[in-house]
PDB file of N, CA and C in Angstrom:
ATOM      1  N   MET A   1       0.853  -1.170   0.000  1.00  0.00           N
ATOM      2  CA  MET A   1       0.000   0.000   0.000  1.00  0.00           C
ATOM      3  C   MET A   1       0.898   1.233   0.000  1.00  0.00           C
ATOM      4  N   ASN A   2       0.589   2.172  -0.845  1.00  0.00           N
ATOM      5  CA  ASN A   2       1.352   3.399  -0.983  1.00  0.00           C
ATOM      6  C   ASN A   2       0.548   4.553  -0.379  1.00  0.00           C
ATOM      7  N   ALA A   3       1.151   5.277   0.539  1.00  0.00           N
ATOM      8  CA  ALA A   3       0.462   6.378   1.226  1.00  0.00           C
ATOM      9  C   ALA A   3      -0.068   7.410   0.235  1.00  0.00           C
ATOM     10  N   HIS A   4       0.697   7.697  -0.778  1.00  0.00           N
ATOM     11  CA  HIS A   4       0.288   8.700  -1.769  1.00  0.00           C
ATOM     12  C   HIS A   4      -1.006   8.288  -2.474  1.00  0.00           C
ATOM     13  N   ASP A   5      -1.183   7.003  -2.727  1.00  0.00           N
ATOM     14  CA  ASP A   5      -2.385   6.509  -3.408  1.00  0.00           C
ATOM     15  C   ASP A   5      -3.654   6.790  -2.613  1.00  0.00           C
ATOM     16  N   TYR A   6      -3.541   6.946  -1.307  1.00  0.00           N
ATOM     17  CA  TYR A   6      -4.705   7.131  -0.450  1.00  0.00           C
ATOM     18  C   TYR A   6      -4.810   8.523   0.138  1.00  0.00           C
ATOM     19  N   GLY A   7      -3.912   9.411  -0.246  1.00  0.00           N
ATOM     20  CA  GLY A   7      -3.974  10.777   0.235  1.00  0.00           C
ATOM     21  C   GLY A   7      -3.640  10.917   1.709  1.00  0.00           C
ATOM     22  N   ILE A   8      -2.815  10.027   2.225  1.00  0.00           N
ATOM     23  CA  ILE A   8      -2.376  10.117   3.615  1.00  0.00           C
ATOM     24  C   ILE A   8      -0.866  10.237   3.635  1.00  0.00           C
ATOM     25  N   SER A   9      -0.344  10.729   4.728  1.00  0.00           N
ATOM     26  CA  SER A   9       1.104  10.896   4.824  1.00  0.00           C
ATOM     27  C   SER A   9       1.785   9.548   5.050  1.00  0.00           C
ATOM     28  N   ARG A  10       3.038   9.500   4.736  1.00  0.00           N
ATOM     29  CA  ARG A  10       3.825   8.286   4.958  1.00  0.00           C
ATOM     30  C   ARG A  10       3.848   7.945   6.447  1.00  0.00           C
ATOM     31  N   ASN A  11       3.936   8.976   7.303  1.00  0.00           N
ATOM     32  CA  ASN A  11       3.943   8.739   8.751  1.00  0.00           C
ATOM     33  C   ASN A  11       2.630   8.119   9.220  1.00  0.00           C
ATOM     34  N   THR A  12       1.508   8.581   8.657  1.00  0.00           N
ATOM     35  CA  THR A  12       0.210   8.013   9.020  1.00  0.00           C
ATOM     36  C   THR A  12       0.145   6.553   8.595  1.00  0.00           C
ATOM     37  N   LEU A  13       0.613   6.257   7.410  1.00  0.00           N
ATOM     38  CA  LEU A  13       0.628   4.878   6.936  1.00  0.00           C
ATOM     39  C   LEU A  13       1.505   4.004   7.832  1.00  0.00           C
ATOM     40  N   LYS A  14       2.673   4.487   8.197  1.00  0.00           N
ATOM     41  CA  LYS A  14       3.560   3.722   9.088  1.00  0.00           C
ATOM     42  C   LYS A  14       2.895   3.484  10.439  1.00  0.00           C
ATOM     43  N   TRP A  15       2.212   4.503  10.955  1.00  0.00           N
ATOM     44  CA  TRP A  15       1.508   4.362  12.227  1.00  0.00           C
ATOM     45  C   TRP A  15       0.430   3.286  12.129  1.00  0.00           C
ATOM     46  N   LEU A  16      -0.374   3.336  11.078  1.00  0.00           N
ATOM     47  CA  LEU A  16      -1.426   2.332  10.896  1.00  0.00           C
ATOM     48  C   LEU A  16      -0.838   0.928  10.822  1.00  0.00           C
ATOM     49  N   GLN A  17       0.253   0.793  10.096  1.00  0.00           N
ATOM     50  CA  GLN A  17       0.885  -0.516   9.950  1.00  0.00           C
ATOM     51  C   GLN A  17       1.526  -0.988  11.258  1.00  0.00           C
ATOM     52  N   SER A  18       1.909  -0.059  12.126  1.00  0.00           N
ATOM     53  CA  SER A  18       2.558  -0.426  13.392  1.00  0.00           C
ATOM     54  C   SER A  18       1.567  -0.930  14.436  1.00  0.00           C
ATOM     55  N   LEU A  19       0.268  -0.741  14.202  1.00  0.00           N
ATOM     56  CA  LEU A  19      -0.736  -1.097  15.198  1.00  0.00           C
ATOM     57  C   LEU A  19      -0.993  -2.603  15.289  1.00  0.00           C
ATOM     58  N   ASP A  20      -0.466  -3.362  14.352  1.00  0.00           N
ATOM     59  CA  ASP A  20      -0.646  -4.815  14.371  1.00  0.00           C
ATOM     60  C   ASP A  20      -2.135  -5.160  14.455  1.00  0.00           C
ATOM     61  N   LEU A  21      -2.900  -4.622  13.523  1.00  0.00           N
ATOM     62  CA  LEU A  21      -4.338  -4.873  13.468  1.00  0.00           C
ATOM     63  C   LEU A  21      -4.586  -6.325  13.047  1.00  0.00           C
ATOM     64  N   SER A  22      -5.807  -6.790  13.203  1.00  0.00           N
ATOM     65  CA  SER A  22      -6.121  -8.194  12.931  1.00  0.00           C
ATOM     66  C   SER A  22      -5.908  -8.581  11.469  1.00  0.00           C
ATOM     67  N   HIS A  23      -6.040  -7.602  10.568  1.00  0.00           N
ATOM     68  CA  HIS A  23      -5.809  -7.838   9.144  1.00  0.00           C
ATOM     69  C   HIS A  23      -4.933  -6.722   8.612  1.00  0.00           C
ATOM     70  N   PRO A  24      -3.980  -7.043   7.747  1.00  0.00           N
ATOM     71  CA  PRO A  24      -3.171  -5.960   7.179  1.00  0.00           C
ATOM     72  C   PRO A  24      -4.027  -5.081   6.271  1.00  0.00           C
ATOM     73  N   LEU A  25      -3.748  -3.806   6.285  1.00  0.00           N
ATOM     74  CA  LEU A  25      -4.469  -2.868   5.420  1.00  0.00           C
ATOM     75  C   LEU A  25      -3.887  -2.969   4.014  1.00  0.00           C
ATOM     76  N   LYS A  26      -4.732  -3.313   3.073  1.00  0.00           N
ATOM     77  CA  LYS A  26      -4.300  -3.442   1.682  1.00  0.00           C
ATOM     78  C   LYS A  26      -4.969  -2.392   0.809  1.00  0.00           C
ATOM     79  N   ASN A  27      -6.251  -2.199   1.026  1.00  0.00           N
ATOM     80  CA  ASN A  27      -7.017  -1.199   0.295  1.00  0.00           C
ATOM     81  C   ASN A  27      -7.715  -0.364   1.355  1.00  0.00           C
ATOM     82  N   LEU A  28      -7.168   0.793   1.641  1.00  0.00           N
ATOM     83  CA  LEU A  28      -7.618   1.603   2.771  1.00  0.00           C
ATOM     84  C   LEU A  28      -9.117   1.881   2.749  1.00  0.00           C
ATOM     85  N   ARG A  29      -9.643   2.275   1.623  1.00  0.00           N
ATOM     86  CA  ARG A  29     -11.074   2.593   1.536  1.00  0.00           C
ATOM     87  C   ARG A  29     -11.916   1.354   1.848  1.00  0.00           C
ATOM     88  N   ARG A  30     -11.589   0.252   1.250  1.00  0.00           N
ATOM     89  CA  ARG A  30     -12.356  -0.977   1.466  1.00  0.00           C
ATOM     90  C   ARG A  30     -12.164  -1.508   2.883  1.00  0.00           C
ATOM     91  N   ASP A  31     -10.925  -1.504   3.360  1.00  0.00           N
ATOM     92  CA  ASP A  31     -10.621  -2.085   4.672  1.00  0.00           C
ATOM     93  C   ASP A  31     -11.254  -1.310   5.825  1.00  0.00           C
ATOM     94  N   LEU A  32     -11.483  -0.018   5.640  1.00  0.00           N
ATOM     95  CA  LEU A  32     -12.078   0.798   6.697  1.00  0.00           C
ATOM     96  C   LEU A  32     -13.581   0.998   6.526  1.00  0.00           C
ATOM     97  N   ALA A  33     -14.129   0.582   5.394  1.00  0.00           N
ATOM     98  CA  ALA A  33     -15.518   0.889   5.050  1.00  0.00           C
ATOM     99  C   ALA A  33     -16.549   0.363   6.036  1.00  0.00           C
ATOM    100  N   ASN A  34     -16.385  -0.857   6.534  1.00  0.00           N
ATOM    101  CA  ASN A  34     -17.433  -1.391   7.410  1.00  0.00           C
ATOM    102  C   ASN A  34     -17.274  -0.965   8.867  1.00  0.00           C
ATOM    103  N   GLY A  35     -16.228  -0.226   9.172  1.00  0.00           N
ATOM    104  CA  GLY A  35     -16.045   0.310  10.516  1.00  0.00           C
ATOM    105  C   GLY A  35     -15.321  -0.612  11.487  1.00  0.00           C
ATOM    106  N   PHE A  36     -15.164  -1.884  11.148  1.00  0.00           N
ATOM    107  CA  PHE A  36     -14.541  -2.819  12.083  1.00  0.00           C
ATOM    108  C   PHE A  36     -13.100  -2.432  12.399  1.00  0.00           C
ATOM    109  N   MET A  37     -12.327  -2.113  11.369  1.00  0.00           N
ATOM    110  CA  MET A  37     -10.925  -1.749  11.601  1.00  0.00           C
ATOM    111  C   MET A  37     -10.822  -0.413  12.344  1.00  0.00           C
ATOM    112  N   VAL A  38     -11.752   0.484  12.106  1.00  0.00           N
ATOM    113  CA  VAL A  38     -11.783   1.752  12.838  1.00  0.00           C
ATOM    114  C   VAL A  38     -12.051   1.466  14.312  1.00  0.00           C
ATOM    115  N   ALA A  39     -13.007   0.579  14.575  1.00  0.00           N
ATOM    116  CA  ALA A  39     -13.305   0.194  15.959  1.00  0.00           C
ATOM    117  C   ALA A  39     -12.091  -0.471  16.600  1.00  0.00           C
ATOM    118  N   GLN A  40     -11.402  -1.308  15.842  1.00  0.00           N
ATOM    119  CA  GLN A  40     -10.208  -1.967  16.368  1.00  0.00           C
ATOM    120  C   GLN A  40      -9.129  -0.938  16.703  1.00  0.00           C
ATOM    121  N   LEU A  41      -8.963   0.043  15.843  1.00  0.00           N
ATOM    122  CA  LEU A  41      -8.005   1.116  16.082  1.00  0.00           C
ATOM    123  C   LEU A  41      -8.381   1.892  17.345  1.00  0.00           C
ATOM    124  N   LEU A  42      -9.661   2.267  17.469  1.00  0.00           N
ATOM    125  CA  LEU A  42     -10.103   2.999  18.653  1.00  0.00           C
ATOM    126  C   LEU A  42      -9.940   2.172  19.921  1.00  0.00           C
ATOM    127  N   SER A  43     -10.149   0.870  19.816  1.00  0.00           N
ATOM    128  CA  SER A  43     -10.029   0.013  21.006  1.00  0.00           C
ATOM    129  C   SER A  43      -8.586  -0.071  21.502  1.00  0.00           C
ATOM    130  N   ARG A  44      -7.622   0.198  20.628  1.00  0.00           N
ATOM    131  CA  ARG A  44      -6.213   0.226  21.059  1.00  0.00           C
ATOM    132  C   ARG A  44      -5.954   1.384  22.012  1.00  0.00           C
ATOM    133  N   TYR A  45      -6.662   2.480  21.788  1.00  0.00           N
ATOM    134  CA  TYR A  45      -6.456   3.680  22.588  1.00  0.00           C
ATOM    135  C   TYR A  45      -7.488   3.849  23.700  1.00  0.00           C
ATOM    136  N   PHE A  46      -8.594   3.143  23.593  1.00  0.00           N
ATOM    137  CA  PHE A  46      -9.648   3.173  24.605  1.00  0.00           C
ATOM    138  C   PHE A  46     -10.057   1.738  24.947  1.00  0.00           C
ATOM    139  N   PRO A  47      -9.127   0.937  25.466  1.00  0.00           N
ATOM    140  CA  PRO A  47      -9.403  -0.496  25.644  1.00  0.00           C
ATOM    141  C   PRO A  47     -10.521  -0.820  26.627  1.00  0.00           C
ATOM    142  N   THR A  48     -10.754   0.024  27.606  1.00  0.00           N
ATOM    143  CA  THR A  48     -11.814  -0.273  28.571  1.00  0.00           C
ATOM    144  C   THR A  48     -13.143   0.389  28.193  1.00  0.00           C
ATOM    145  N   GLU A  49     -13.101   1.367  27.304  1.00  0.00           N
ATOM    146  CA  GLU A  49     -14.307   2.086  26.931  1.00  0.00           C
ATOM    147  C   GLU A  49     -15.008   1.517  25.699  1.00  0.00           C
ATOM    148  N   LEU A  50     -14.278   0.801  24.864  1.00  0.00           N
ATOM    149  CA  LEU A  50     -14.848   0.291  23.622  1.00  0.00           C
ATOM    150  C   LEU A  50     -14.698  -1.225  23.578  1.00  0.00           C
ATOM    151  N   GLN A  51     -15.811  -1.916  23.496  1.00  0.00           N
ATOM    152  CA  GLN A  51     -15.806  -3.375  23.485  1.00  0.00           C
ATOM    153  C   GLN A  51     -15.817  -3.874  22.038  1.00  0.00           C
ATOM    154  N   LEU A  52     -14.705  -4.391  21.590  1.00  0.00           N
ATOM    155  CA  LEU A  52     -14.563  -4.807  20.195  1.00  0.00           C
ATOM    156  C   LEU A  52     -15.496  -5.961  19.839  1.00  0.00           C
ATOM    157  N   HIS A  53     -15.859  -6.777  20.811  1.00  0.00           N
ATOM    158  CA  HIS A  53     -16.734  -7.918  20.517  1.00  0.00           C
ATOM    159  C   HIS A  53     -18.121  -7.480  20.052  1.00  0.00           C
ATOM    160  N   SER A  54     -18.441  -6.209  20.212  1.00  0.00           N
ATOM    161  CA  SER A  54     -19.741  -5.679  19.774  1.00  0.00           C
ATOM    162  C   SER A  54     -19.770  -5.357  18.288  1.00  0.00           C
ATOM    163  N   PHE A  55     -18.635  -5.442  17.628  1.00  0.00           N
ATOM    164  CA  PHE A  55     -18.533  -5.071  16.220  1.00  0.00           C
ATOM    165  C   PHE A  55     -18.436  -6.309  15.337  1.00  0.00           C
ATOM    166  N   ASP A  56     -18.953  -6.185  14.118  1.00  0.00           N
ATOM    167  CA  ASP A  56     -19.003  -7.288  13.167  1.00  0.00           C
ATOM    168  C   ASP A  56     -18.112  -6.969  11.972  1.00  0.00           C
ATOM    169  N   ASN A  57     -17.190  -7.865  11.664  1.00  0.00           N
ATOM    170  CA  ASN A  57     -16.308  -7.663  10.517  1.00  0.00           C
ATOM    171  C   ASN A  57     -16.905  -8.331   9.284  1.00  0.00           C
ATOM    172  N   SER A  58     -18.075  -7.876   8.931  1.00  0.00           N
ATOM    173  CA  SER A  58     -18.808  -8.433   7.793  1.00  0.00           C
ATOM    174  C   SER A  58     -18.993  -7.351   6.744  1.00  0.00           C
ATOM    175  N   PRO A  59     -19.040  -7.740   5.467  1.00  0.00           N
ATOM    176  CA  PRO A  59     -19.268  -6.734   4.419  1.00  0.00           C
ATOM    177  C   PRO A  59     -20.733  -6.342   4.254  1.00  0.00           C
ATOM    178  N   SER A  60     -21.625  -6.916   5.046  1.00  0.00           N
ATOM    179  CA  SER A  60     -23.046  -6.620   4.877  1.00  0.00           C
ATOM    180  C   SER A  60     -23.347  -5.167   5.238  1.00  0.00           C
ATOM    181  N   SER A  61     -24.348  -4.616   4.580  1.00  0.00           N
ATOM    182  CA  SER A  61     -24.710  -3.229   4.860  1.00  0.00           C
ATOM    183  C   SER A  61     -25.292  -3.085   6.267  1.00  0.00           C
ATOM    184  N   ALA A  62     -25.922  -4.126   6.784  1.00  0.00           N
ATOM    185  CA  ALA A  62     -26.454  -4.072   8.152  1.00  0.00           C
ATOM    186  C   ALA A  62     -25.312  -3.984   9.163  1.00  0.00           C
ATOM    187  N   ALA A  63     -24.263  -4.784   8.969  1.00  0.00           N
ATOM    188  CA  ALA A  63     -23.103  -4.747   9.871  1.00  0.00           C
ATOM    189  C   ALA A  63     -22.410  -3.394   9.779  1.00  0.00           C
ATOM    190  N   LYS A  64     -22.257  -2.899   8.557  1.00  0.00           N
ATOM    191  CA  LYS A  64     -21.614  -1.603   8.358  1.00  0.00           C
ATOM    192  C   LYS A  64     -22.385  -0.504   9.090  1.00  0.00           C
ATOM    193  N   ALA A  65     -23.692  -0.484   8.917  1.00  0.00           N
ATOM    194  CA  ALA A  65     -24.524   0.545   9.560  1.00  0.00           C
ATOM    195  C   ALA A  65     -24.430   0.440  11.077  1.00  0.00           C
ATOM    196  N   ASP A  66     -24.494  -0.772  11.607  1.00  0.00           N
ATOM    197  CA  ASP A  66     -24.426  -0.965  13.052  1.00  0.00           C
ATOM    198  C   ASP A  66     -23.055  -0.563  13.597  1.00  0.00           C
ATOM    199  N   ASN A  67     -21.990  -0.976  12.917  1.00  0.00           N
ATOM    200  CA  ASN A  67     -20.636  -0.623  13.360  1.00  0.00           C
ATOM    201  C   ASN A  67     -20.458   0.889  13.419  1.00  0.00           C
ATOM    202  N   TRP A  68     -20.864   1.580  12.346  1.00  0.00           N
ATOM    203  CA  TRP A  68     -20.680   3.030  12.303  1.00  0.00           C
ATOM    204  C   TRP A  68     -21.570   3.738  13.311  1.00  0.00           C
ATOM    205  N   GLN A  69     -22.736   3.203  13.568  1.00  0.00           N
ATOM    206  CA  GLN A  69     -23.608   3.795  14.587  1.00  0.00           C
ATOM    207  C   GLN A  69     -22.947   3.698  15.959  1.00  0.00           C
ATOM    208  N   GLN A  70     -22.353   2.546  16.246  1.00  0.00           N
ATOM    209  CA  GLN A  70     -21.656   2.371  17.524  1.00  0.00           C
ATOM    210  C   GLN A  70     -20.445   3.307  17.629  1.00  0.00           C
ATOM    211  N   ILE A  71     -19.722   3.459  16.522  1.00  0.00           N
ATOM    212  CA  ILE A  71     -18.551   4.341  16.512  1.00  0.00           C
ATOM    213  C   ILE A  71     -18.987   5.789  16.747  1.00  0.00           C
ATOM    214  N   LYS A  72     -20.041   6.232  16.070  1.00  0.00           N
ATOM    215  CA  LYS A  72     -20.543   7.598  16.258  1.00  0.00           C
ATOM    216  C   LYS A  72     -20.944   7.830  17.714  1.00  0.00           C
ATOM    217  N   LYS A  73     -21.640   6.874  18.289  1.00  0.00           N
ATOM    218  CA  LYS A  73     -22.081   6.981  19.690  1.00  0.00           C
ATOM    219  C   LYS A  73     -20.874   7.050  20.621  1.00  0.00           C
ATOM    220  N   PHE A  74     -19.880   6.207  20.364  1.00  0.00           N
ATOM    221  CA  PHE A  74     -18.671   6.194  21.181  1.00  0.00           C
ATOM    222  C   PHE A  74     -17.933   7.528  21.096  1.00  0.00           C
ATOM    223  N   LEU A  75     -17.747   8.032  19.872  1.00  0.00           N
ATOM    224  CA  LEU A  75     -17.031   9.297  19.692  1.00  0.00           C
ATOM    225  C   LEU A  75     -17.752  10.441  20.393  1.00  0.00           C
ATOM    226  N   LYS A  76     -19.070  10.458  20.268  1.00  0.00           N
ATOM    227  CA  LYS A  76     -19.853  11.508  20.926  1.00  0.00           C
ATOM    228  C   LYS A  76     -19.673  11.425  22.440  1.00  0.00           C
ATOM    229  N   LYS A  77     -19.723  10.219  22.980  1.00  0.00           N
ATOM    230  CA  LYS A  77     -19.559  10.019  24.422  1.00  0.00           C
ATOM    231  C   LYS A  77     -18.182  10.485  24.897  1.00  0.00           C
ATOM    232  N   GLN A  78     -17.182  10.323  24.049  1.00  0.00           N
ATOM    233  CA  GLN A  78     -15.817  10.722  24.388  1.00  0.00           C
ATOM    234  C   GLN A  78     -15.568  12.207  24.137  1.00  0.00           C
ATOM    235  N   GLY A  79     -16.541  12.885  23.549  1.00  0.00           N
ATOM    236  CA  GLY A  79     -16.371  14.302  23.237  1.00  0.00           C
ATOM    237  C   GLY A  79     -15.499  14.538  22.023  1.00  0.00           C
ATOM    238  N   ILE A  80     -15.408  13.549  21.162  1.00  0.00           N
ATOM    239  CA  ILE A  80     -14.617  13.663  19.939  1.00  0.00           C
ATOM    240  C   ILE A  80     -15.567  14.008  18.809  1.00  0.00           C
ATOM    241  N   ASN A  81     -15.409  15.192  18.267  1.00  0.00           N
ATOM    242  CA  ASN A  81     -16.310  15.668  17.224  1.00  0.00           C
ATOM    243  C   ASN A  81     -15.673  15.484  15.851  1.00  0.00           C
ATOM    244  N   ILE A  82     -16.260  14.598  15.083  1.00  0.00           N
ATOM    245  CA  ILE A  82     -15.836  14.373  13.704  1.00  0.00           C
ATOM    246  C   ILE A  82     -17.047  14.668  12.837  1.00  0.00           C
ATOM    247  N   PRO A  83     -16.899  15.508  11.825  1.00  0.00           N
ATOM    248  CA  PRO A  83     -18.047  15.848  10.985  1.00  0.00           C
ATOM    249  C   PRO A  83     -18.725  14.597  10.414  1.00  0.00           C
ATOM    250  N   ALA A  84     -20.042  14.602  10.421  1.00  0.00           N
ATOM    251  CA  ALA A  84     -20.816  13.465   9.919  1.00  0.00           C
ATOM    252  C   ALA A  84     -20.454  13.137   8.471  1.00  0.00           C
ATOM    253  N   THR A  85     -20.100  14.159   7.698  1.00  0.00           N
ATOM    254  CA  THR A  85     -19.753  13.917   6.297  1.00  0.00           C
ATOM    255  C   THR A  85     -18.524  13.035   6.176  1.00  0.00           C
ATOM    256  N   LEU A  86     -17.603  13.145   7.120  1.00  0.00           N
ATOM    257  CA  LEU A  86     -16.428  12.268   7.098  1.00  0.00           C
ATOM    258  C   LEU A  86     -16.811  10.843   7.467  1.00  0.00           C
ATOM    259  N   LEU A  87     -17.631  10.697   8.456  1.00  0.00           N
ATOM    260  CA  LEU A  87     -18.037   9.364   8.885  1.00  0.00           C
ATOM    261  C   LEU A  87     -18.959   8.704   7.868  1.00  0.00           C
ATOM    262  N   GLU A  88     -19.814   9.462   7.259  1.00  0.00           N
ATOM    263  CA  GLU A  88     -20.758   8.887   6.303  1.00  0.00           C
ATOM    264  C   GLU A  88     -20.167   8.711   4.921  1.00  0.00           C
ATOM    265  N   GLY A  89     -18.993   9.253   4.704  1.00  0.00           N
ATOM    266  CA  GLY A  89     -18.354   9.128   3.409  1.00  0.00           C
ATOM    267  C   GLY A  89     -17.551   7.859   3.243  1.00  0.00           C
ATOM    268  N   THR A  90     -17.599   6.978   4.244  1.00  0.00           N
ATOM    269  CA  THR A  90     -16.813   5.750   4.185  1.00  0.00           C
ATOM    270  C   THR A  90     -17.461   4.709   3.315  1.00  0.00           C
TER     271      THR A  90
END
């Protein structure tokens, strides 16, 4: 995966790769689309606040919607404001 291809910095790509996620990131848009990898990333930094077992690593639209709903709720609870357009653009 090339950082330039995804519009992210090389440092961001190295950071993502250093997290030792359950699956290697190969296609950033596809790999993050259902929200599971985002939840896994957040659980690294909030291990007691976010329960990863509540998320589904399925390509179904129902799993995607549920995962992103949980992520939005979690971010709001943490006081982390991310524009809805960014979250819904996945």
